């Protein structure tokens, strides 16, 4: 399925599977886009997020997450999982 969605050479893709949970996920995004960092994990690796698209968070929310000790790249979707 992923190969069928790779319409352009500037696309990237990935998959994640966890048989124990019965979970299989696949995604396609443009290289360098907001969601070109999937999947995203929290520090303990017990929460995972697969996100597609764009999201516009107020800068103060991002700063608050960092002040709580979370580590992420604020230029992509990697901070989203820490708001859970």
PDB file of N, CA and C in Angstrom:
ATOM      1  N   UNK A   1       0.812  -1.180   0.000  1.00  0.00           N
ATOM      2  CA  UNK A   1       0.000   0.000   0.000  1.00  0.00           C
ATOM      3  C   UNK A   1       0.867   1.261   0.000  1.00  0.00           C
ATOM      4  N   UNK A   2       1.938   1.264   0.771  1.00  0.00           N
ATOM      5  CA  UNK A   2       2.797   2.440   0.866  1.00  0.00           C
ATOM      6  C   UNK A   2       3.390   2.787  -0.494  1.00  0.00           C
ATOM      7  N   UNK A   3       3.838   1.785  -1.236  1.00  0.00           N
ATOM      8  CA  UNK A   3       4.434   2.046  -2.546  1.00  0.00           C
ATOM      9  C   UNK A   3       3.452   2.738  -3.477  1.00  0.00           C
ATOM     10  N   UNK A   4       2.177   2.422  -3.375  1.00  0.00           N
ATOM     11  CA  UNK A   4       1.151   3.045  -4.214  1.00  0.00           C
ATOM     12  C   UNK A   4       0.958   4.518  -3.898  1.00  0.00           C
ATOM     13  N   UNK A   5       1.279   4.931  -2.667  1.00  0.00           N
ATOM     14  CA  UNK A   5       1.103   6.325  -2.268  1.00  0.00           C
ATOM     15  C   UNK A   5       2.344   7.179  -2.534  1.00  0.00           C
ATOM     16  N   UNK A   6       3.433   6.561  -2.919  1.00  0.00           N
ATOM     17  CA  UNK A   6       4.682   7.283  -3.175  1.00  0.00           C
ATOM     18  C   UNK A   6       4.658   7.864  -4.593  1.00  0.00           C
ATOM     19  N   UNK A   7       3.881   8.933  -4.786  1.00  0.00           N
ATOM     20  CA  UNK A   7       3.676   9.513  -6.103  1.00  0.00           C
ATOM     21  C   UNK A   7       4.841  10.350  -6.607  1.00  0.00           C
ATOM     22  N   UNK A   8       5.640  10.887  -5.721  1.00  0.00           N
ATOM     23  CA  UNK A   8       6.718  11.798  -6.098  1.00  0.00           C
ATOM     24  C   UNK A   8       8.033  11.362  -5.455  1.00  0.00           C
ATOM     25  N   UNK A   9       9.163  11.677  -6.092  1.00  0.00           N
ATOM     26  CA  UNK A   9      10.456  11.284  -5.513  1.00  0.00           C
ATOM     27  C   UNK A   9      10.796  12.038  -4.230  1.00  0.00           C
ATOM     28  N   UNK A  10      10.123  13.144  -3.940  1.00  0.00           N
ATOM     29  CA  UNK A  10      10.385  13.899  -2.719  1.00  0.00           C
ATOM     30  C   UNK A  10       9.495  13.451  -1.558  1.00  0.00           C
ATOM     31  N   UNK A  11       8.834  12.319  -1.701  1.00  0.00           N
ATOM     32  CA  UNK A  11       8.054  11.734  -0.605  1.00  0.00           C
ATOM     33  C   UNK A  11       8.934  10.775   0.185  1.00  0.00           C
ATOM     34  N   UNK A  12       8.596  10.606   1.433  1.00  0.00           N
ATOM     35  CA  UNK A  12       9.243   9.620   2.283  1.00  0.00           C
ATOM     36  C   UNK A  12       8.139   8.781   2.922  1.00  0.00           C
ATOM     37  N   UNK A  13       8.481   7.615   3.408  1.00  0.00           N
ATOM     38  CA  UNK A  13       7.449   6.749   3.978  1.00  0.00           C
ATOM     39  C   UNK A  13       8.019   5.961   5.144  1.00  0.00           C
ATOM     40  N   UNK A  14       7.125   5.350   5.876  1.00  0.00           N
ATOM     41  CA  UNK A  14       7.551   4.518   6.984  1.00  0.00           C
ATOM     42  C   UNK A  14       6.427   3.606   7.428  1.00  0.00           C
ATOM     43  N   UNK A  15       6.762   2.623   8.229  1.00  0.00           N
ATOM     44  CA  UNK A  15       5.778   1.704   8.791  1.00  0.00           C
ATOM     45  C   UNK A  15       6.156   1.413  10.236  1.00  0.00           C
ATOM     46  N   UNK A  16       5.152   1.019  10.998  1.00  0.00           N
ATOM     47  CA  UNK A  16       5.361   0.580  12.371  1.00  0.00           C
ATOM     48  C   UNK A  16       4.383  -0.552  12.638  1.00  0.00           C
ATOM     49  N   UNK A  17       4.863  -1.602  13.272  1.00  0.00           N
ATOM     50  CA  UNK A  17       3.997  -2.737  13.597  1.00  0.00           C
ATOM     51  C   UNK A  17       4.259  -3.190  15.029  1.00  0.00           C
ATOM     52  N   UNK A  18       3.182  -3.498  15.731  1.00  0.00           N
ATOM     53  CA  UNK A  18       3.271  -4.069  17.068  1.00  0.00           C
ATOM     54  C   UNK A  18       2.249  -5.208  17.110  1.00  0.00           C
ATOM     55  N   UNK A  19       2.712  -6.405  16.834  1.00  0.00           N
ATOM     56  CA  UNK A  19       1.809  -7.556  16.777  1.00  0.00           C
ATOM     57  C   UNK A  19       1.103  -7.800  18.101  1.00  0.00           C
ATOM     58  N   UNK A  20       1.784  -7.531  19.210  1.00  0.00           N
ATOM     59  CA  UNK A  20       1.189  -7.735  20.532  1.00  0.00           C
ATOM     60  C   UNK A  20      -0.093  -6.921  20.690  1.00  0.00           C
ATOM     61  N   UNK A  21      -0.101  -5.719  20.113  1.00  0.00           N
ATOM     62  CA  UNK A  21      -1.281  -4.856  20.189  1.00  0.00           C
ATOM     63  C   UNK A  21      -2.210  -5.012  18.987  1.00  0.00           C
ATOM     64  N   UNK A  22      -1.771  -5.761  17.987  1.00  0.00           N
ATOM     65  CA  UNK A  22      -2.560  -5.876  16.769  1.00  0.00           C
ATOM     66  C   UNK A  22      -2.572  -4.571  15.988  1.00  0.00           C
ATOM     67  N   UNK A  23      -1.437  -3.868  15.980  1.00  0.00           N
ATOM     68  CA  UNK A  23      -1.347  -2.549  15.373  1.00  0.00           C
ATOM     69  C   UNK A  23      -0.352  -2.559  14.223  1.00  0.00           C
ATOM     70  N   UNK A  24      -0.798  -2.073  13.085  1.00  0.00           N
ATOM     71  CA  UNK A  24       0.057  -1.870  11.930  1.00  0.00           C
ATOM     72  C   UNK A  24      -0.264  -0.496  11.375  1.00  0.00           C
ATOM     73  N   UNK A  25       0.738   0.326  11.159  1.00  0.00           N
ATOM     74  CA  UNK A  25       0.519   1.683  10.647  1.00  0.00           C
ATOM     75  C   UNK A  25       1.531   1.968   9.548  1.00  0.00           C
ATOM     76  N   UNK A  26       1.099   2.708   8.562  1.00  0.00           N
ATOM     77  CA  UNK A  26       1.969   3.144   7.484  1.00  0.00           C
ATOM     78  C   UNK A  26       1.662   4.586   7.147  1.00  0.00           C
ATOM     79  N   UNK A  27       2.659   5.322   6.645  1.00  0.00           N
ATOM     80  CA  UNK A  27       2.451   6.728   6.328  1.00  0.00           C
ATOM     81  C   UNK A  27       3.365   7.153   5.192  1.00  0.00           C
ATOM     82  N   UNK A  28       2.956   8.228   4.555  1.00  0.00           N
ATOM     83  CA  UNK A  28       3.724   8.878   3.502  1.00  0.00           C
ATOM     84  C   UNK A  28       3.676  10.367   3.780  1.00  0.00           C
ATOM     85  N   UNK A  29       4.806  11.045   3.645  1.00  0.00           N
ATOM     86  CA  UNK A  29       4.834  12.496   3.817  1.00  0.00           C
ATOM     87  C   UNK A  29       5.916  13.077   2.916  1.00  0.00           C
ATOM     88  N   UNK A  30       5.888  14.381   2.773  1.00  0.00           N
ATOM     89  CA  UNK A  30       6.939  15.034   2.011  1.00  0.00           C
ATOM     90  C   UNK A  30       8.188  15.160   2.884  1.00  0.00           C
ATOM     91  N   UNK A  31       9.334  14.941   2.286  1.00  0.00           N
ATOM     92  CA  UNK A  31      10.598  15.065   2.995  1.00  0.00           C
ATOM     93  C   UNK A  31      10.705  16.478   3.564  1.00  0.00           C
ATOM     94  N   UNK A  32      11.036  16.574   4.846  1.00  0.00           N
ATOM     95  CA  UNK A  32      11.208  17.859   5.493  1.00  0.00           C
ATOM     96  C   UNK A  32       9.933  18.514   5.983  1.00  0.00           C
ATOM     97  N   UNK A  33       8.788  17.845   5.802  1.00  0.00           N
ATOM     98  CA  UNK A  33       7.524  18.424   6.252  1.00  0.00           C
ATOM     99  C   UNK A  33       7.368  18.263   7.766  1.00  0.00           C
ATOM    100  N   UNK A  34       6.343  18.896   8.308  1.00  0.00           N
ATOM    101  CA  UNK A  34       6.077  18.855   9.745  1.00  0.00           C
ATOM    102  C   UNK A  34       5.967  17.421  10.264  1.00  0.00           C
ATOM    103  N   UNK A  35       5.336  16.545   9.494  1.00  0.00           N
ATOM    104  CA  UNK A  35       5.116  15.168   9.966  1.00  0.00           C
ATOM    105  C   UNK A  35       6.146  14.180   9.425  1.00  0.00           C
ATOM    106  N   UNK A  36       7.297  14.677   8.956  1.00  0.00           N
ATOM    107  CA  UNK A  36       8.372  13.800   8.484  1.00  0.00           C
ATOM    108  C   UNK A  36       9.283  13.410   9.644  1.00  0.00           C
ATOM    109  N   UNK A  37       8.698  12.850  10.687  1.00  0.00           N
ATOM    110  CA  UNK A  37       9.483  12.405  11.852  1.00  0.00           C
ATOM    111  C   UNK A  37       8.781  11.228  12.534  1.00  0.00           C
ATOM    112  N   UNK A  38       7.888  10.586  11.825  1.00  0.00           N
ATOM    113  CA  UNK A  38       7.054   9.538  12.415  1.00  0.00           C
ATOM    114  C   UNK A  38       7.797   8.229  12.535  1.00  0.00           C
ATOM    115  N   UNK A  39       7.445   7.380  13.496  1.00  0.00           N
ATOM    116  CA  UNK A  39       6.563   7.650  14.620  1.00  0.00           C
ATOM    117  C   UNK A  39       7.300   8.452  15.681  1.00  0.00           C
ATOM    118  N   UNK A  40       6.540   9.131  16.533  1.00  0.00           N
ATOM    119  CA  UNK A  40       7.106   9.949  17.600  1.00  0.00           C
ATOM    120  C   UNK A  40       6.835   9.251  18.932  1.00  0.00           C
ATOM    121  N   UNK A  41       7.870   9.155  19.753  1.00  0.00           N
ATOM    122  CA  UNK A  41       7.766   8.504  21.065  1.00  0.00           C
ATOM    123  C   UNK A  41       8.052   9.510  22.165  1.00  0.00           C
ATOM    124  N   UNK A  42       7.477   9.270  23.341  1.00  0.00           N
ATOM    125  CA  UNK A  42       7.868  10.063  24.508  1.00  0.00           C
ATOM    126  C   UNK A  42       9.180   9.498  25.060  1.00  0.00           C
ATOM    127  N   UNK A  43       9.702  10.131  26.106  1.00  0.00           N
ATOM    128  CA  UNK A  43      11.006   9.727  26.642  1.00  0.00           C
ATOM    129  C   UNK A  43      11.024   8.298  27.163  1.00  0.00           C
ATOM    130  N   UNK A  44       9.924   7.834  27.752  1.00  0.00           N
ATOM    131  CA  UNK A  44       9.877   6.471  28.302  1.00  0.00           C
ATOM    132  C   UNK A  44       9.538   5.424  27.237  1.00  0.00           C
ATOM    133  N   UNK A  45       9.222   5.873  26.043  1.00  0.00           N
ATOM    134  CA  UNK A  45       8.830   5.005  24.923  1.00  0.00           C
ATOM    135  C   UNK A  45       7.607   4.151  25.275  1.00  0.00           C
ATOM    136  N   UNK A  46       6.685   4.726  26.053  1.00  0.00           N
ATOM    137  CA  UNK A  46       5.442   4.017  26.347  1.00  0.00           C
ATOM    138  C   UNK A  46       4.226   4.715  25.729  1.00  0.00           C
ATOM    139  N   UNK A  47       4.465   5.832  25.047  1.00  0.00           N
ATOM    140  CA  UNK A  47       3.422   6.535  24.306  1.00  0.00           C
ATOM    141  C   UNK A  47       3.979   6.828  22.919  1.00  0.00           C
ATOM    142  N   UNK A  48       3.198   6.459  21.903  1.00  0.00           N
ATOM    143  CA  UNK A  48       3.618   6.626  20.515  1.00  0.00           C
ATOM    144  C   UNK A  48       2.541   7.398  19.752  1.00  0.00           C
ATOM    145  N   UNK A  49       2.976   8.214  18.808  1.00  0.00           N
ATOM    146  CA  UNK A  49       2.049   8.973  17.978  1.00  0.00           C
ATOM    147  C   UNK A  49       2.450   8.836  16.518  1.00  0.00           C
ATOM    148  N   UNK A  50       1.468   8.562  15.671  1.00  0.00           N
ATOM    149  CA  UNK A  50       1.636   8.636  14.220  1.00  0.00           C
ATOM    150  C   UNK A  50       0.683   9.727  13.763  1.00  0.00           C
ATOM    151  N   UNK A  51       1.210  10.768  13.168  1.00  0.00           N
ATOM    152  CA  UNK A  51       0.451  11.970  12.825  1.00  0.00           C
ATOM    153  C   UNK A  51       0.691  12.310  11.369  1.00  0.00           C
ATOM    154  N   UNK A  52      -0.348  12.774  10.707  1.00  0.00           N
ATOM    155  CA  UNK A  52      -0.220  13.215   9.323  1.00  0.00           C
ATOM    156  C   UNK A  52      -0.826  14.600   9.201  1.00  0.00           C
ATOM    157  N   UNK A  53      -0.129  15.500   8.570  1.00  0.00           N
ATOM    158  CA  UNK A  53      -0.657  16.835   8.347  1.00  0.00           C
ATOM    159  C   UNK A  53       0.153  17.901   9.049  1.00  0.00           C
ATOM    160  N   UNK A  54      -0.501  19.009   9.316  1.00  0.00           N
ATOM    161  CA  UNK A  54       0.120  20.157   9.968  1.00  0.00           C
ATOM    162  C   UNK A  54      -0.644  20.462  11.255  1.00  0.00           C
ATOM    163  N   UNK A  55       0.014  21.111  12.201  1.00  0.00           N
ATOM    164  CA  UNK A  55      -0.602  21.507  13.454  1.00  0.00           C
ATOM    165  C   UNK A  55       0.088  22.789  13.886  1.00  0.00           C
ATOM    166  N   UNK A  56      -0.685  23.738  14.363  1.00  0.00           N
ATOM    167  CA  UNK A  56      -0.126  25.042  14.706  1.00  0.00           C
ATOM    168  C   UNK A  56      -0.374  25.321  16.186  1.00  0.00           C
ATOM    169  N   UNK A  57       0.616  25.028  16.998  1.00  0.00           N
ATOM    170  CA  UNK A  57       0.530  25.217  18.438  1.00  0.00           C
ATOM    171  C   UNK A  57       1.109  26.574  18.795  1.00  0.00           C
ATOM    172  N   UNK A  58       0.517  27.208  19.789  1.00  0.00           N
ATOM    173  CA  UNK A  58       1.041  28.460  20.298  1.00  0.00           C
ATOM    174  C   UNK A  58       2.435  28.211  20.867  1.00  0.00           C
ATOM    175  N   UNK A  59       3.349  29.093  20.603  1.00  0.00           N
ATOM    176  CA  UNK A  59       4.750  28.943  21.028  1.00  0.00           C
ATOM    177  C   UNK A  59       4.864  28.755  22.544  1.00  0.00           C
ATOM    178  N   UNK A  60       3.958  29.362  23.329  1.00  0.00           N
ATOM    179  CA  UNK A  60       4.036  29.217  24.785  1.00  0.00           C
ATOM    180  C   UNK A  60       3.777  27.782  25.218  1.00  0.00           C
ATOM    181  N   UNK A  61       2.923  27.054  24.501  1.00  0.00           N
ATOM    182  CA  UNK A  61       2.698  25.637  24.825  1.00  0.00           C
ATOM    183  C   UNK A  61       3.956  24.823  24.588  1.00  0.00           C
ATOM    184  N   UNK A  62       4.641  25.105  23.503  1.00  0.00           N
ATOM    185  CA  UNK A  62       5.893  24.403  23.200  1.00  0.00           C
ATOM    186  C   UNK A  62       6.933  24.725  24.272  1.00  0.00           C
ATOM    187  N   UNK A  63       7.031  25.997  24.663  1.00  0.00           N
ATOM    188  CA  UNK A  63       7.977  26.397  25.717  1.00  0.00           C
ATOM    189  C   UNK A  63       7.636  25.734  27.050  1.00  0.00           C
ATOM    190  N   UNK A  64       6.347  25.606  27.368  1.00  0.00           N
ATOM    191  CA  UNK A  64       5.918  24.948  28.609  1.00  0.00           C
ATOM    192  C   UNK A  64       6.312  23.472  28.619  1.00  0.00           C
ATOM    193  N   UNK A  65       6.186  22.791  27.488  1.00  0.00           N
ATOM    194  CA  UNK A  65       6.598  21.384  27.413  1.00  0.00           C
ATOM    195  C   UNK A  65       8.098  21.252  27.663  1.00  0.00           C
ATOM    196  N   UNK A  66       8.870  22.139  27.067  1.00  0.00           N
ATOM    197  CA  UNK A  66      10.319  22.099  27.256  1.00  0.00           C
ATOM    198  C   UNK A  66      10.681  22.419  28.711  1.00  0.00           C
ATOM    199  N   UNK A  67       9.969  23.348  29.337  1.00  0.00           N
ATOM    200  CA  UNK A  67      10.231  23.709  30.736  1.00  0.00           C
ATOM    201  C   UNK A  67       9.935  22.542  31.674  1.00  0.00           C
ATOM    202  N   UNK A  68       9.045  21.632  31.261  1.00  0.00           N
ATOM    203  CA  UNK A  68       8.737  20.451  32.073  1.00  0.00           C
ATOM    204  C   UNK A  68       9.763  19.344  31.875  1.00  0.00           C
ATOM    205  N   UNK A  69      10.778  19.593  31.038  1.00  0.00           N
ATOM    206  CA  UNK A  69      11.856  18.633  30.860  1.00  0.00           C
ATOM    207  C   UNK A  69      11.732  17.741  29.641  1.00  0.00           C
ATOM    208  N   UNK A  70      10.735  17.963  28.800  1.00  0.00           N
ATOM    209  CA  UNK A  70      10.584  17.141  27.598  1.00  0.00           C
ATOM    210  C   UNK A  70      11.624  17.531  26.558  1.00  0.00           C
ATOM    211  N   UNK A  71      12.103  16.522  25.841  1.00  0.00           N
ATOM    212  CA  UNK A  71      13.097  16.744  24.798  1.00  0.00           C
ATOM    213  C   UNK A  71      12.468  16.457  23.451  1.00  0.00           C
ATOM    214  N   UNK A  72      12.572  17.393  22.510  1.00  0.00           N
ATOM    215  CA  UNK A  72      11.967  17.242  21.185  1.00  0.00           C
ATOM    216  C   UNK A  72      12.519  18.302  20.252  1.00  0.00           C
ATOM    217  N   UNK A  73      12.213  18.157  18.979  1.00  0.00           N
ATOM    218  CA  UNK A  73      12.558  19.133  17.954  1.00  0.00           C
ATOM    219  C   UNK A  73      11.303  19.959  17.694  1.00  0.00           C
ATOM    220  N   UNK A  74      11.299  21.226  18.042  1.00  0.00           N
ATOM    221  CA  UNK A  74      10.094  22.041  17.919  1.00  0.00           C
ATOM    222  C   UNK A  74       9.781  22.436  16.480  1.00  0.00           C
ATOM    223  N   UNK A  75      10.618  22.042  15.512  1.00  0.00           N
ATOM    224  CA  UNK A  75      10.340  22.366  14.115  1.00  0.00           C
ATOM    225  C   UNK A  75       9.530  21.281  13.414  1.00  0.00           C
ATOM    226  N   UNK A  76       9.253  20.172  14.110  1.00  0.00           N
ATOM    227  CA  UNK A  76       8.441  19.120  13.508  1.00  0.00           C
ATOM    228  C   UNK A  76       7.428  18.604  14.545  1.00  0.00           C
ATOM    229  N   UNK A  77       6.723  17.546  14.225  1.00  0.00           N
ATOM    230  CA  UNK A  77       5.632  17.048  15.067  1.00  0.00           C
ATOM    231  C   UNK A  77       6.094  16.306  16.315  1.00  0.00           C
ATOM    232  N   UNK A  78       7.382  16.239  16.578  1.00  0.00           N
ATOM    233  CA  UNK A  78       7.863  15.438  17.699  1.00  0.00           C
ATOM    234  C   UNK A  78       7.413  15.962  19.058  1.00  0.00           C
ATOM    235  N   UNK A  79       7.023  17.216  19.167  1.00  0.00           N
ATOM    236  CA  UNK A  79       6.541  17.726  20.456  1.00  0.00           C
ATOM    237  C   UNK A  79       5.115  17.320  20.768  1.00  0.00           C
ATOM    238  N   UNK A  80       4.343  16.907  19.773  1.00  0.00           N
ATOM    239  CA  UNK A  80       2.924  16.611  19.972  1.00  0.00           C
ATOM    240  C   UNK A  80       2.678  15.499  20.990  1.00  0.00           C
ATOM    241  N   UNK A  81       3.491  14.480  20.980  1.00  0.00           N
ATOM    242  CA  UNK A  81       3.279  13.341  21.875  1.00  0.00           C
ATOM    243  C   UNK A  81       3.426  13.760  23.336  1.00  0.00           C
ATOM    244  N   UNK A  82       4.161  14.803  23.598  1.00  0.00           N
ATOM    245  CA  UNK A  82       4.393  15.244  24.979  1.00  0.00           C
ATOM    246  C   UNK A  82       3.219  16.029  25.554  1.00  0.00           C
ATOM    247  N   UNK A  83       2.292  16.412  24.752  1.00  0.00           N
ATOM    248  CA  UNK A  83       1.102  17.089  25.236  1.00  0.00           C
ATOM    249  C   UNK A  83       0.021  16.134  25.697  1.00  0.00           C
ATOM    250  N   UNK A  84       0.250  14.831  25.524  1.00  0.00           N
ATOM    251  CA  UNK A  84      -0.754  13.824  25.885  1.00  0.00           C
ATOM    252  C   UNK A  84      -0.942  13.741  27.373  1.00  0.00           C
TER     253      UNK A  84
END
